[in-house]
Amino acid sequence: MRNIALIGMPATGKSSVGRQIALVLGLPFVDMDETIQSREDATIAEIFERHGEPHFRAIEEALIAEVTQAPGVVATGGGVVEREQNLQALRGWGWLVALIASPEAIARRVGRADQWPLLKGQVVENLQKLWARRSSKYLSADLVVDVGHEDVDGVVRKILGFLAEREPVASIDVNPGKAQPYRAVVGRGILGLLGHYAREAGLSGRAGILASPAAARRHGEQICDALQGAGLDPVLIEVPAGESVKTWESAGGLYGRLAREQIDRTGCLVAMGGEEVLDVGGFVAGTYMRGIPVVHVPTTLMAQLDSCIGGKVALNHFRAKNLIGFLHHPRLAVADVAAVGGSGARSMREGFAESVKYGVIADADLFAFLEAHAAELLDESGQRLPELVAWCLRTKARFVEEDEEGVGRRMLLNYGHTFGHAIEASTGFHRYTHGEAVAIGMTLAARVSAAMGLACESLETRQSALLRRFGLPTDFSGVATSRLVEALWRDKKRQGASLRFVLPNCVGRAEVRGDVPIELVARVLGEHGAAPERAPGA
């Protein structure tokens, strides 16, 4: 998110608007006039009287140089535009937003104008002179808002709408066959625009925000402010993190909580957190009152790259992961890459497993991008992350549009998941994260494909090297082969007496096979990590 500098004539509401914009966007706010008066221990009128206007303008220029060194929203004094270097500094720092009104309208606001030294005396005439001198500067702003007939909320909504159109790195349209089309918005620092996007998507009323503890702590207040600023009525509902939230007991408790909070079909759910929260949020939204809209706000890289679109929602059963589920597409998905920064290094690493998956099954160019830019993607600044998230979501959107139900080509998205889910279930969903299990699963699938003569020679080597560069495992230990095979037979992708696997042919191409000999699967598992079988009584 670029910063915002508010310019304009005196008494156009820059301070009030700036405070509210900063609150919604979660940015620091600086009121230049207030800051100057506090530091000088004098009013602006007193500074003018004691030292003259040139001295005051020099103080303004120094303060602009200071505030533009950090992110934020700044409300400037009306005269900062009279020095071109001020405008250049503010333009280079962020969006320039001008609030304007007619001299007559401003005169009604300021009354005697004692606090504005340049307006004393004939207020309207003085305002007209200032407007003649400064108007070209104000009108050159990125956005000009006439505040003569707008309240603060109305001005804020216009500014947020402007930002919503210009800030996202990408807006991906998802057009599933049977469900209502929706979009996924990808950007940096765009969580504060959630309310605007929600209104654009036709959402209103009471909004239940299901959030993991970490997401609630980091983003809960900002999300509530953003939704409230757009006219929705939010309530924050904290839910457990991880796979423990995806149970019948958890879902049942949420139905009761939503009813107590008086959330009905005129409102919506907002699921904010990792993929598990998005899963249970979608499941509950799809079944509560026979279905209410859900908005996905993924705050982990894994969820941003994959589960925030597509509509698959599910709960776990003790026998298998995601055994109970259906399709309930979100009305909107907002992926703010700035939100993943606090999720931890392990969470960041596991997210990259999904991007490798997309590259192997469908996009050799994406795979090459990952190979070329792995170090940059792992960098804490994450400058390439928005590009990666948008690329992966576009790829997934094509699969969803071609095969919404997941009975054809969309099944390729399960690459690594058949083995991965079995590993997760067999280790109690504790030893490996989902992304780590998928990374191991992709490695096993590549080895099975090579053993069947379906994969090119370089595939496994390139894939394993890339997974390791992202800090992901390619082997596992401590699980008996028989236990894993049993978990594989419980997989929801099983078809009769056949297990179906997604097997890669080369980077960028894969296929679904139902003819993989179980003996071969057991051999690959035994050779690459599974614990040896124990003899009875051993």
Protein backbone atom coordinates (compact mmCIF):
# COMPACT_ATOMS: atom_id res chain seq x y z
CA MET A 1 0.00 0.00 0.00
CA ARG A 2 1.38 3.38 -0.98
CA ASN A 3 1.20 6.15 1.58
CA ILE A 4 -1.36 8.96 1.45
CA ALA A 5 -0.78 12.71 1.63
CA LEU A 6 -3.84 14.92 2.03
CA ILE A 7 -3.53 18.43 0.64
CA GLY A 8 -6.11 21.18 0.28
CA MET A 9 -7.42 24.53 1.43
CA PRO A 10 -7.89 25.25 5.15
CA ALA A 11 -10.93 23.72 6.86
CA THR A 12 -11.58 21.06 4.21
CA GLY A 13 -11.40 18.25 6.78
CA LYS A 14 -7.91 16.91 6.07
CA SER A 15 -7.28 16.06 9.71
CA SER A 16 -10.60 14.26 10.31
CA VAL A 17 -10.42 12.37 7.04
CA GLY A 18 -6.75 11.49 7.55
CA ARG A 19 -7.35 10.04 11.00
CA GLN A 20 -10.16 7.81 9.75
CA ILE A 21 -8.25 6.67 6.65
CA ALA A 22 -5.22 5.80 8.80
CA LEU A 23 -7.42 3.87 11.23
CA VAL A 24 -9.02 1.80 8.47
CA LEU A 25 -5.74 1.12 6.67
CA GLY A 26 -3.79 0.43 9.84
CA LEU A 27 -1.21 3.13 9.11
CA PRO A 28 0.33 5.79 11.37
CA PHE A 29 -1.18 9.26 11.09
CA VAL A 30 0.56 12.65 11.23
CA ASP A 31 -1.27 15.96 11.37
CA MET A 32 1.40 18.43 10.31
CA ASP A 33 -0.20 21.52 11.84
CA GLU A 34 -0.70 19.77 15.18
CA THR A 35 2.87 18.43 15.13
CA ILE A 36 4.35 21.85 14.39
CA GLN A 37 2.30 23.57 17.08
CA SER A 38 3.30 20.93 19.64
CA ARG A 39 7.00 21.14 18.81
CA GLU A 40 7.07 24.94 18.68
CA ASP A 41 4.81 25.25 21.74
CA ALA A 42 2.87 27.92 19.89
CA THR A 43 -0.17 28.22 17.65
CA ILE A 44 0.29 28.68 13.92
CA ALA A 45 -0.98 32.26 14.26
CA GLU A 46 1.65 32.92 16.94
CA ILE A 47 4.44 31.42 14.79
CA PHE A 48 3.40 33.66 11.88
CA GLU A 49 3.29 36.70 14.15
CA ARG A 50 6.65 36.07 15.82
CA HIS A 51 8.72 34.74 12.93
CA GLY A 52 6.80 35.34 9.71
CA GLU A 53 5.45 33.02 7.01
CA PRO A 54 8.87 32.07 5.47
CA HIS A 55 9.96 30.64 8.82
CA PHE A 56 6.77 28.58 9.08
CA ARG A 57 7.20 27.26 5.53
CA ALA A 58 10.75 26.17 6.33
CA ILE A 59 9.45 24.22 9.33
CA GLU A 60 6.83 22.57 7.08
CA GLU A 61 9.44 21.59 4.52
CA ALA A 62 11.66 20.01 7.18
CA LEU A 63 8.71 18.09 8.62
CA ILE A 64 7.72 16.75 5.18
CA ALA A 65 11.28 15.49 4.70
CA GLU A 66 10.92 13.72 8.05
CA VAL A 67 7.47 12.14 7.68
CA THR A 68 8.15 10.83 4.19
CA GLN A 69 10.81 8.52 5.60
CA ALA A 70 8.20 6.17 7.08
CA PRO A 71 4.84 4.68 6.06
CA GLY A 72 1.69 6.55 6.96
CA VAL A 73 -1.06 9.02 6.25
CA VAL A 74 -0.28 12.73 6.56
CA ALA A 75 -2.62 15.72 6.67
CA THR A 76 -0.68 18.72 5.44
CA GLY A 77 -1.22 22.42 5.95
CA GLY A 78 -2.93 24.28 3.15
CA GLY A 79 0.21 26.11 2.06
CA VAL A 80 2.64 23.21 1.60
CA VAL A 81 1.84 23.22 -2.12
CA GLU A 82 3.45 26.62 -2.55
CA ARG A 83 6.88 24.99 -2.44
CA GLU A 84 7.40 22.64 -5.37
CA GLN A 85 9.93 20.53 -3.47
CA ASN A 86 7.18 19.67 -0.96
CA LEU A 87 4.93 18.35 -3.71
CA GLN A 88 7.75 16.37 -5.27
CA ALA A 89 8.59 14.75 -1.93
CA LEU A 90 4.95 13.87 -1.24
CA ARG A 91 4.36 12.48 -4.76
CA GLY A 92 7.41 10.28 -4.47
CA TRP A 93 6.16 9.01 -1.11
CA GLY A 94 2.55 8.15 -1.86
CA TRP A 95 -0.80 9.09 -3.32
CA LEU A 96 -1.58 12.80 -3.37
CA VAL A 97 -5.24 13.41 -2.44
CA ALA A 98 -6.66 16.94 -2.57
CA LEU A 99 -9.75 17.97 -0.61
CA ILE A 100 -11.36 21.06 -2.12
CA ALA A 101 -14.43 23.24 -1.59
CA SER A 102 -15.62 26.63 -2.77
CA PRO A 103 -14.37 29.70 -0.87
CA GLU A 104 -17.94 30.35 0.27
CA ALA A 105 -18.33 26.83 1.67
CA ILE A 106 -14.98 27.08 3.48
CA ALA A 107 -15.90 30.50 4.88
CA ARG A 108 -19.00 29.01 6.47
CA ARG A 109 -16.80 26.42 8.16
CA VAL A 110 -14.08 28.70 9.50
CA GLY A 111 -16.20 31.55 10.87
CA ARG A 112 -13.90 34.36 12.09
CA ALA A 113 -10.81 32.36 11.01
CA ASP A 114 -8.64 33.54 13.91
CA GLN A 115 -6.57 30.37 13.79
CA TRP A 116 -5.67 30.85 10.10
CA PRO A 117 -3.47 33.95 9.83
CA LEU A 118 -3.80 34.17 6.04
CA LEU A 119 -7.60 34.33 6.26
CA LYS A 120 -8.03 37.12 8.80
CA GLY A 121 -10.13 40.02 7.73
CA GLN A 122 -12.11 39.49 4.55
CA VAL A 123 -12.33 35.70 4.78
CA VAL A 124 -14.04 34.99 1.44
CA GLU A 125 -11.81 37.39 -0.48
CA ASN A 126 -8.69 35.96 1.13
CA LEU A 127 -9.84 32.42 0.34
CA GLN A 128 -10.42 33.42 -3.28
CA LYS A 129 -6.88 34.83 -3.49
CA LEU A 130 -5.41 31.66 -1.98
CA TRP A 131 -7.44 29.49 -4.35
CA ALA A 132 -6.24 31.49 -7.36
CA ARG A 133 -2.65 31.00 -6.23
CA ARG A 134 -2.85 27.32 -5.24
CA SER A 135 -5.67 25.73 -7.27
CA SER A 136 -3.43 24.39 -10.05
CA LYS A 137 -1.37 22.56 -7.43
CA TYR A 138 -4.42 21.05 -5.72
CA LEU A 139 -6.00 20.01 -8.99
CA SER A 140 -2.83 18.18 -10.05
CA ALA A 141 -3.32 15.61 -7.25
CA ASP A 142 -3.88 11.92 -7.99
CA LEU A 143 -7.40 12.26 -6.57
CA VAL A 144 -9.45 15.41 -6.08
CA VAL A 145 -12.50 15.24 -3.80
CA ASP A 146 -14.99 18.09 -3.51
CA VAL A 147 -15.95 18.06 0.17
CA GLY A 148 -18.53 20.83 -0.08
CA HIS A 149 -21.46 18.42 0.11
CA GLU A 150 -19.78 15.35 1.66
CA ASP A 151 -19.41 14.28 5.28
CA VAL A 152 -16.21 12.67 6.54
CA ASP A 153 -17.50 9.12 5.97
CA GLY A 154 -18.42 9.95 2.39
CA VAL A 155 -14.98 11.42 1.68
CA VAL A 156 -13.29 8.40 3.26
CA ARG A 157 -15.34 6.03 1.10
CA LYS A 158 -14.32 7.89 -2.05
CA ILE A 159 -10.65 7.69 -1.11
CA LEU A 160 -10.90 3.99 -0.28
CA GLY A 161 -12.62 3.37 -3.61
CA PHE A 162 -9.78 5.15 -5.38
CA LEU A 163 -7.22 3.05 -3.54
CA ALA A 164 -9.13 -0.17 -4.21
CA GLU A 165 -8.91 0.45 -7.95
CA ARG A 166 -5.20 1.24 -7.95
CA GLU A 167 -3.51 -0.64 -5.15
CA PRO A 168 -3.97 -4.37 -5.95
CA VAL A 169 -1.20 -6.13 -7.80
CA ALA A 170 -3.85 -8.29 -9.42
CA SER A 171 -7.58 -8.92 -9.52
CA ILE A 172 -8.37 -12.47 -10.61
CA ASP A 173 -11.87 -13.27 -11.83
CA VAL A 174 -13.07 -16.77 -10.93
CA ASN A 175 -15.99 -18.07 -12.98
CA PRO A 176 -17.00 -21.51 -11.67
CA GLY A 177 -19.64 -23.25 -13.73
CA LYS A 178 -22.59 -23.32 -11.34
CA ALA A 179 -21.69 -20.84 -8.61
CA GLN A 180 -21.75 -17.06 -8.74
CA PRO A 181 -18.59 -15.53 -10.25
CA TYR A 182 -16.27 -13.81 -7.79
CA ARG A 183 -12.85 -12.29 -7.66
CA ALA A 184 -9.64 -12.67 -5.72
CA VAL A 185 -7.71 -9.48 -5.02
CA VAL A 186 -3.95 -9.69 -4.45
CA GLY A 187 -1.82 -6.86 -3.12
CA ARG A 188 0.34 -5.55 -0.32
CA GLY A 189 -1.20 -3.63 2.58
CA ILE A 190 -4.75 -3.92 1.24
CA LEU A 191 -6.51 -5.39 4.29
CA GLY A 192 -7.89 -1.96 5.10
CA LEU A 193 -9.74 -2.00 1.78
CA LEU A 194 -11.68 -5.14 2.70
CA GLY A 195 -14.83 -3.18 3.51
CA HIS A 196 -14.83 -1.52 0.11
CA TYR A 197 -14.31 -4.81 -1.68
CA ALA A 198 -17.07 -6.40 0.40
CA ARG A 199 -19.54 -3.68 -0.55
CA GLU A 200 -18.56 -4.06 -4.19
CA ALA A 201 -19.33 -7.76 -3.86
CA GLY A 202 -22.83 -6.92 -2.63
CA LEU A 203 -22.26 -7.78 1.03
CA SER A 204 -23.86 -5.97 3.93
CA GLY A 205 -25.38 -6.53 7.38
CA ARG A 206 -23.91 -8.42 10.32
CA ALA A 207 -20.49 -9.92 9.57
CA GLY A 208 -19.04 -12.71 11.72
CA ILE A 209 -15.25 -12.72 11.47
CA LEU A 210 -13.86 -16.19 12.18
CA ALA A 211 -10.18 -15.66 12.98
CA SER A 212 -7.33 -17.77 14.26
CA PRO A 213 -5.70 -16.38 17.44
CA ALA A 214 -2.70 -15.03 15.52
CA ALA A 215 -4.84 -13.44 12.82
CA ALA A 216 -7.19 -11.93 15.41
CA ARG A 217 -4.26 -10.47 17.32
CA ARG A 218 -2.52 -9.01 14.28
CA HIS A 219 -5.42 -7.96 12.08
CA GLY A 220 -8.71 -8.22 13.98
CA GLU A 221 -9.04 -4.55 14.90
CA GLN A 222 -8.13 -3.36 11.42
CA ILE A 223 -10.58 -5.75 9.74
CA CYS A 224 -13.39 -4.66 12.06
CA ASP A 225 -12.63 -0.99 11.34
CA ALA A 226 -12.53 -1.63 7.59
CA LEU A 227 -15.88 -3.44 7.56
CA GLN A 228 -17.51 -0.97 9.91
CA GLY A 229 -16.30 1.92 7.76
CA ALA A 230 -18.10 0.33 4.80
CA GLY A 231 -21.36 0.05 6.69
CA LEU A 232 -21.18 -3.58 7.80
CA ASP A 233 -21.64 -4.64 11.43
CA PRO A 234 -18.65 -6.85 12.36
CA VAL A 235 -18.14 -9.16 15.32
CA LEU A 236 -14.82 -10.96 15.90
CA ILE A 237 -15.05 -14.67 16.75
CA GLU A 238 -11.76 -16.35 17.63
CA VAL A 239 -11.36 -20.01 16.64
CA PRO A 240 -8.50 -22.48 17.23
CA ALA A 241 -5.62 -22.62 14.78
CA GLY A 242 -4.59 -25.76 12.92
CA GLU A 243 -6.44 -28.94 12.06
CA SER A 244 -8.17 -29.06 15.46
CA VAL A 245 -10.68 -26.48 14.22
CA LYS A 246 -11.89 -28.77 11.41
CA THR A 247 -14.15 -31.00 13.54
CA TRP A 248 -17.89 -31.57 13.98
CA GLU A 249 -17.58 -30.26 17.53
CA SER A 250 -15.94 -27.03 16.39
CA ALA A 251 -18.47 -26.47 13.60
CA GLY A 252 -21.36 -27.18 15.99
CA GLY A 253 -20.10 -24.60 18.45
CA LEU A 254 -19.82 -22.02 15.70
CA TYR A 255 -23.45 -22.50 14.62
CA GLY A 256 -24.55 -21.64 18.14
CA ARG A 257 -22.23 -18.63 18.33
CA LEU A 258 -23.48 -17.24 15.01
CA ALA A 259 -27.08 -17.59 16.16
CA ARG A 260 -26.28 -15.79 19.44
CA GLU A 261 -24.60 -12.99 17.49
CA GLN A 262 -27.75 -12.65 15.36
CA ILE A 263 -25.98 -13.32 12.10
CA ASP A 264 -28.54 -14.25 9.46
CA ARG A 265 -28.85 -14.59 5.70
CA THR A 266 -28.63 -10.83 5.22
CA GLY A 267 -25.09 -10.94 6.60
CA CYS A 268 -21.95 -12.95 5.91
CA LEU A 269 -18.95 -14.75 7.38
CA VAL A 270 -15.36 -13.61 6.98
CA ALA A 271 -12.84 -16.43 7.42
CA MET A 272 -9.44 -15.01 8.31
CA GLY A 273 -6.39 -17.16 8.94
CA GLY A 274 -4.75 -20.23 7.46
CA GLU A 275 -6.32 -22.84 5.22
CA GLU A 276 -7.90 -24.66 8.17
CA VAL A 277 -9.86 -21.55 9.19
CA LEU A 278 -10.89 -20.98 5.58
CA ASP A 279 -12.02 -24.61 5.38
CA VAL A 280 -14.18 -24.53 8.49
CA GLY A 281 -15.41 -21.01 7.69
CA GLY A 282 -16.57 -22.12 4.27
CA PHE A 283 -18.12 -25.29 5.66
CA VAL A 284 -20.08 -23.42 8.34
CA ALA A 285 -21.12 -20.65 5.94
CA GLY A 286 -22.35 -23.21 3.41
CA THR A 287 -24.54 -25.01 5.95
CA TYR A 288 -25.65 -22.28 8.38
CA MET A 289 -29.21 -21.23 7.53
CA ARG A 290 -28.81 -23.30 4.32
CA GLY A 291 -25.98 -21.10 3.18
CA ILE A 292 -24.70 -17.56 3.70
CA PRO A 293 -21.89 -15.74 1.84
CA VAL A 294 -18.32 -16.20 2.97
CA VAL A 295 -15.29 -13.98 2.38
CA HIS A 296 -11.83 -15.51 2.52
CA VAL A 297 -8.99 -13.46 3.99
CA PRO A 298 -5.98 -15.81 3.96
CA THR A 299 -3.15 -14.77 6.26
CA THR A 300 -0.72 -17.61 5.52
CA LEU A 301 1.11 -18.11 2.26
CA MET A 302 -0.32 -21.63 1.87
CA ALA A 303 -3.87 -20.31 2.07
CA GLN A 304 -3.14 -17.41 -0.28
CA LEU A 305 -1.62 -19.64 -2.94
CA ASP A 306 -4.33 -22.28 -2.88
CA SER A 307 -7.31 -22.62 -0.60
CA CYS A 308 -8.69 -19.07 -0.72
CA ILE A 309 -10.40 -19.85 -4.07
CA GLY A 310 -11.91 -22.98 -5.55
CA GLY A 311 -14.83 -23.59 -3.20
CA LYS A 312 -13.68 -26.85 -1.62
CA VAL A 313 -14.56 -26.79 2.09
CA ALA A 314 -14.25 -29.69 4.49
CA LEU A 315 -13.99 -31.10 7.97
CA ASN A 316 -11.69 -33.89 9.06
CA HIS A 317 -12.73 -37.31 10.31
CA PHE A 318 -10.48 -39.38 12.53
CA ARG A 319 -10.16 -41.85 9.67
CA ALA A 320 -9.13 -39.34 6.97
CA LYS A 321 -8.44 -35.70 6.30
CA ASN A 322 -11.15 -33.67 4.53
CA LEU A 323 -13.50 -36.66 4.51
CA ILE A 324 -16.61 -34.52 5.03
CA GLY A 325 -17.06 -31.67 2.60
CA PHE A 326 -18.70 -30.03 -0.39
CA LEU A 327 -18.34 -26.97 -2.65
CA HIS A 328 -19.15 -23.51 -1.30
CA HIS A 329 -17.32 -20.78 -3.20
CA PRO A 330 -16.44 -17.52 -1.47
CA ARG A 331 -18.11 -14.30 -2.56
CA LEU A 332 -14.70 -12.63 -2.39
CA ALA A 333 -11.07 -13.43 -1.53
CA VAL A 334 -8.57 -10.79 -0.42
CA ALA A 335 -4.92 -11.89 -0.27
CA ASP A 336 -2.71 -9.29 1.37
CA VAL A 337 0.87 -10.55 1.24
CA ALA A 338 1.81 -8.15 4.04
CA ALA A 339 -0.39 -10.26 6.32
CA VAL A 340 1.78 -13.38 6.00
CA GLY A 341 4.83 -11.75 7.57
CA GLY A 342 3.92 -12.70 11.12
CA SER A 343 2.99 -16.31 10.38
CA GLY A 344 6.49 -17.63 11.02
CA ALA A 345 9.31 -19.03 8.90
CA ARG A 346 7.95 -22.59 8.89
CA SER A 347 4.56 -21.41 7.70
CA MET A 348 6.17 -19.36 4.93
CA ARG A 349 8.25 -22.30 3.76
CA GLU A 350 5.33 -24.71 3.59
CA GLY A 351 3.40 -22.30 1.41
CA PHE A 352 5.97 -22.65 -1.34
CA ALA A 353 5.07 -26.33 -1.69
CA GLU A 354 1.83 -25.30 -3.40
CA SER A 355 3.64 -23.05 -5.87
CA VAL A 356 6.00 -25.91 -6.80
CA LYS A 357 2.92 -28.10 -7.31
CA TYR A 358 1.42 -25.66 -9.80
CA GLY A 359 4.69 -25.49 -11.71
CA VAL A 360 5.04 -29.28 -11.97
CA ILE A 361 1.48 -30.06 -13.05
CA ALA A 362 0.71 -27.12 -15.33
CA ASP A 363 3.29 -24.39 -15.86
CA ALA A 364 6.93 -24.91 -16.70
CA ASP A 365 7.43 -21.12 -16.80
CA LEU A 366 6.23 -20.84 -13.20
CA PHE A 367 8.61 -23.61 -12.16
CA ALA A 368 11.50 -21.80 -13.88
CA PHE A 369 10.46 -18.56 -12.12
CA LEU A 370 10.64 -20.35 -8.77
CA GLU A 371 14.08 -21.75 -9.59
CA ALA A 372 15.34 -18.32 -10.65
CA HIS A 373 13.87 -16.32 -7.77
CA ALA A 374 13.78 -18.67 -4.76
CA ALA A 375 16.19 -16.49 -2.77
CA GLU A 376 14.14 -13.34 -3.44
CA LEU A 377 10.90 -15.10 -2.51
CA LEU A 378 12.42 -16.27 0.76
CA ASP A 379 13.70 -12.79 1.56
CA GLU A 380 11.91 -11.14 4.48
CA SER A 381 10.85 -8.17 2.35
CA GLY A 382 8.93 -10.55 0.07
CA GLN A 383 8.95 -8.16 -2.87
CA ARG A 384 8.19 -10.95 -5.37
CA LEU A 385 5.40 -12.54 -3.31
CA PRO A 386 2.45 -10.63 -4.83
CA GLU A 387 3.57 -11.71 -8.29
CA LEU A 388 3.80 -15.34 -7.18
CA VAL A 389 0.43 -15.37 -5.39
CA ALA A 390 -1.33 -13.81 -8.39
CA TRP A 391 0.35 -16.27 -10.79
CA CYS A 392 -0.69 -19.29 -8.73
CA LEU A 393 -4.27 -18.09 -8.26
CA ARG A 394 -4.67 -17.45 -11.99
CA THR A 395 -3.46 -21.00 -12.58
CA LYS A 396 -5.90 -22.44 -10.06
CA ALA A 397 -8.76 -20.32 -11.41
CA ARG A 398 -8.31 -21.93 -14.83
CA PHE A 399 -8.58 -25.40 -13.29
CA VAL A 400 -11.71 -24.41 -11.35
CA GLU A 401 -13.38 -22.91 -14.41
CA GLU A 402 -12.66 -25.98 -16.55
CA ASP A 403 -13.70 -28.52 -13.92
CA GLU A 404 -15.57 -27.07 -10.95
CA GLU A 405 -16.55 -30.43 -9.46
CA GLY A 406 -13.03 -31.86 -9.54
CA VAL A 407 -13.89 -34.94 -11.57
CA GLY A 408 -11.60 -34.20 -14.51
CA ARG A 409 -8.62 -31.94 -15.02
CA ARG A 410 -8.96 -30.27 -11.61
CA MET A 411 -7.90 -33.56 -10.06
CA LEU A 412 -4.34 -32.62 -11.06
CA LEU A 413 -4.42 -30.11 -8.18
CA ASN A 414 -4.21 -33.12 -5.87
CA TYR A 415 -0.61 -33.69 -6.90
CA GLY A 416 1.28 -34.72 -3.76
CA HIS A 417 -1.90 -34.68 -1.69
CA THR A 418 -2.78 -38.38 -1.82
CA PHE A 419 0.52 -39.33 -0.19
CA GLY A 420 0.56 -36.09 1.81
CA HIS A 421 -2.85 -36.61 3.42
CA ALA A 422 -1.91 -40.18 4.31
CA ILE A 423 1.27 -38.96 6.00
CA GLU A 424 -0.65 -36.28 7.91
CA ALA A 425 -3.34 -38.70 9.09
CA SER A 426 -0.83 -41.39 10.02
CA THR A 427 1.14 -38.95 12.17
CA GLY A 428 -1.92 -37.46 13.91
CA PHE A 429 -1.71 -34.15 12.03
CA HIS A 430 1.11 -33.08 14.37
CA ARG A 431 4.50 -34.05 12.97
CA TYR A 432 4.29 -32.34 9.58
CA THR A 433 2.48 -29.24 8.43
CA HIS A 434 0.23 -29.67 5.42
CA GLY A 435 2.77 -28.07 3.09
CA GLU A 436 5.58 -30.26 4.39
CA ALA A 437 3.44 -33.37 3.89
CA VAL A 438 2.58 -32.26 0.34
CA ALA A 439 6.27 -31.71 -0.41
CA ILE A 440 7.01 -35.27 0.71
CA GLY A 441 3.97 -36.48 -1.21
CA MET A 442 5.16 -34.84 -4.43
CA THR A 443 8.55 -36.49 -4.01
CA LEU A 444 6.94 -39.91 -3.53
CA ALA A 445 4.63 -39.38 -6.51
CA ALA A 446 7.60 -38.44 -8.70
CA ARG A 447 9.39 -41.62 -7.62
CA VAL A 448 6.36 -43.76 -8.38
CA SER A 449 6.08 -42.09 -11.78
CA ALA A 450 9.76 -42.76 -12.49
CA ALA A 451 9.37 -46.40 -11.42
CA MET A 452 6.47 -46.78 -13.87
CA GLY A 453 8.50 -45.23 -16.69
CA LEU A 454 6.21 -42.19 -16.94
CA ALA A 455 8.56 -39.41 -15.84
CA CYS A 456 11.48 -37.80 -17.61
CA GLU A 457 14.87 -38.29 -15.98
CA SER A 458 15.38 -34.75 -14.69
CA LEU A 459 11.98 -34.33 -13.05
CA GLU A 460 12.63 -35.72 -9.58
CA THR A 461 16.07 -34.12 -9.37
CA ARG A 462 14.78 -30.63 -10.27
CA GLN A 463 11.71 -30.92 -8.09
CA SER A 464 13.60 -32.17 -5.02
CA ALA A 465 16.30 -29.53 -5.43
CA LEU A 466 13.67 -26.77 -5.56
CA LEU A 467 11.73 -28.10 -2.57
CA ARG A 468 14.94 -28.23 -0.53
CA ARG A 469 15.80 -24.65 -1.53
CA PHE A 470 12.54 -23.64 0.09
CA GLY A 471 13.48 -25.60 3.21
CA LEU A 472 10.91 -28.34 2.64
CA PRO A 473 11.38 -32.05 3.42
CA THR A 474 11.46 -34.67 0.70
CA ASP A 475 11.59 -37.76 2.93
CA PHE A 476 9.93 -38.85 6.18
CA SER A 477 10.43 -41.38 8.93
CA GLY A 478 8.78 -43.24 11.75
CA VAL A 479 5.60 -44.49 10.06
CA ALA A 480 5.01 -48.12 9.15
CA THR A 481 4.32 -48.84 5.48
CA SER A 482 1.18 -50.79 6.34
CA ARG A 483 -0.21 -47.83 8.24
CA LEU A 484 0.38 -45.50 5.32
CA VAL A 485 -1.15 -47.93 2.83
CA GLU A 486 -4.20 -48.21 5.07
CA ALA A 487 -4.50 -44.41 5.15
CA LEU A 488 -4.19 -44.30 1.36
CA TRP A 489 -7.15 -46.65 1.00
CA ARG A 490 -9.26 -44.23 3.04
CA ASP A 491 -8.45 -41.33 0.73
CA LYS A 492 -11.57 -39.66 -0.70
CA LYS A 493 -10.07 -39.86 -4.20
CA ARG A 494 -10.22 -43.65 -4.15
CA GLN A 495 -12.32 -45.10 -6.96
CA GLY A 496 -13.68 -48.55 -6.16
CA ALA A 497 -10.79 -50.97 -5.83
CA SER A 498 -8.31 -48.52 -7.37
CA LEU A 499 -6.21 -45.81 -5.84
CA ARG A 500 -5.83 -42.74 -8.03
CA PHE A 501 -2.57 -40.82 -8.05
CA VAL A 502 -1.47 -37.68 -9.85
CA LEU A 503 1.82 -38.60 -11.47
CA PRO A 504 4.11 -36.08 -13.17
CA ASN A 505 5.51 -36.69 -16.64
CA CYS A 506 7.83 -33.72 -16.77
CA VAL A 507 7.88 -30.16 -15.43
CA GLY A 508 4.62 -28.61 -16.61
CA ARG A 509 2.70 -31.82 -17.36
CA ALA A 510 1.07 -34.51 -15.23
CA GLU A 511 -1.69 -37.11 -15.45
CA VAL A 512 -4.14 -38.93 -13.20
CA ARG A 513 -3.57 -42.68 -13.05
CA GLY A 514 -5.74 -45.37 -11.54
CA ASP A 515 -3.50 -48.28 -12.45
CA VAL A 516 -0.68 -47.83 -9.95
CA PRO A 517 0.17 -51.22 -8.40
CA ILE A 518 -0.19 -51.06 -4.64
CA GLU A 519 2.92 -53.27 -4.38
CA LEU A 520 4.89 -50.52 -6.13
CA VAL A 521 3.47 -47.89 -3.79
CA ALA A 522 4.45 -49.98 -0.75
CA ARG A 523 7.94 -50.51 -2.14
CA VAL A 524 8.49 -46.78 -2.75
CA LEU A 525 7.22 -46.00 0.75
CA GLY A 526 9.51 -48.60 2.28
CA GLU A 527 12.54 -47.40 0.33
CA HIS A 528 12.07 -43.71 1.06
CA GLY A 529 11.22 -43.19 4.67
CA ALA A 530 8.55 -45.47 6.10
CA ALA A 531 9.49 -47.38 9.21
CA PRO A 532 10.11 -51.09 8.73
CA GLU A 533 7.29 -53.47 9.55
CA ARG A 534 7.44 -55.02 13.00
CA ALA A 535 6.98 -58.74 13.47
CA PRO A 536 4.14 -59.75 15.80
CA GLY A 537 5.26 -59.52 19.42
CA ALA A 538 8.43 -57.64 18.51
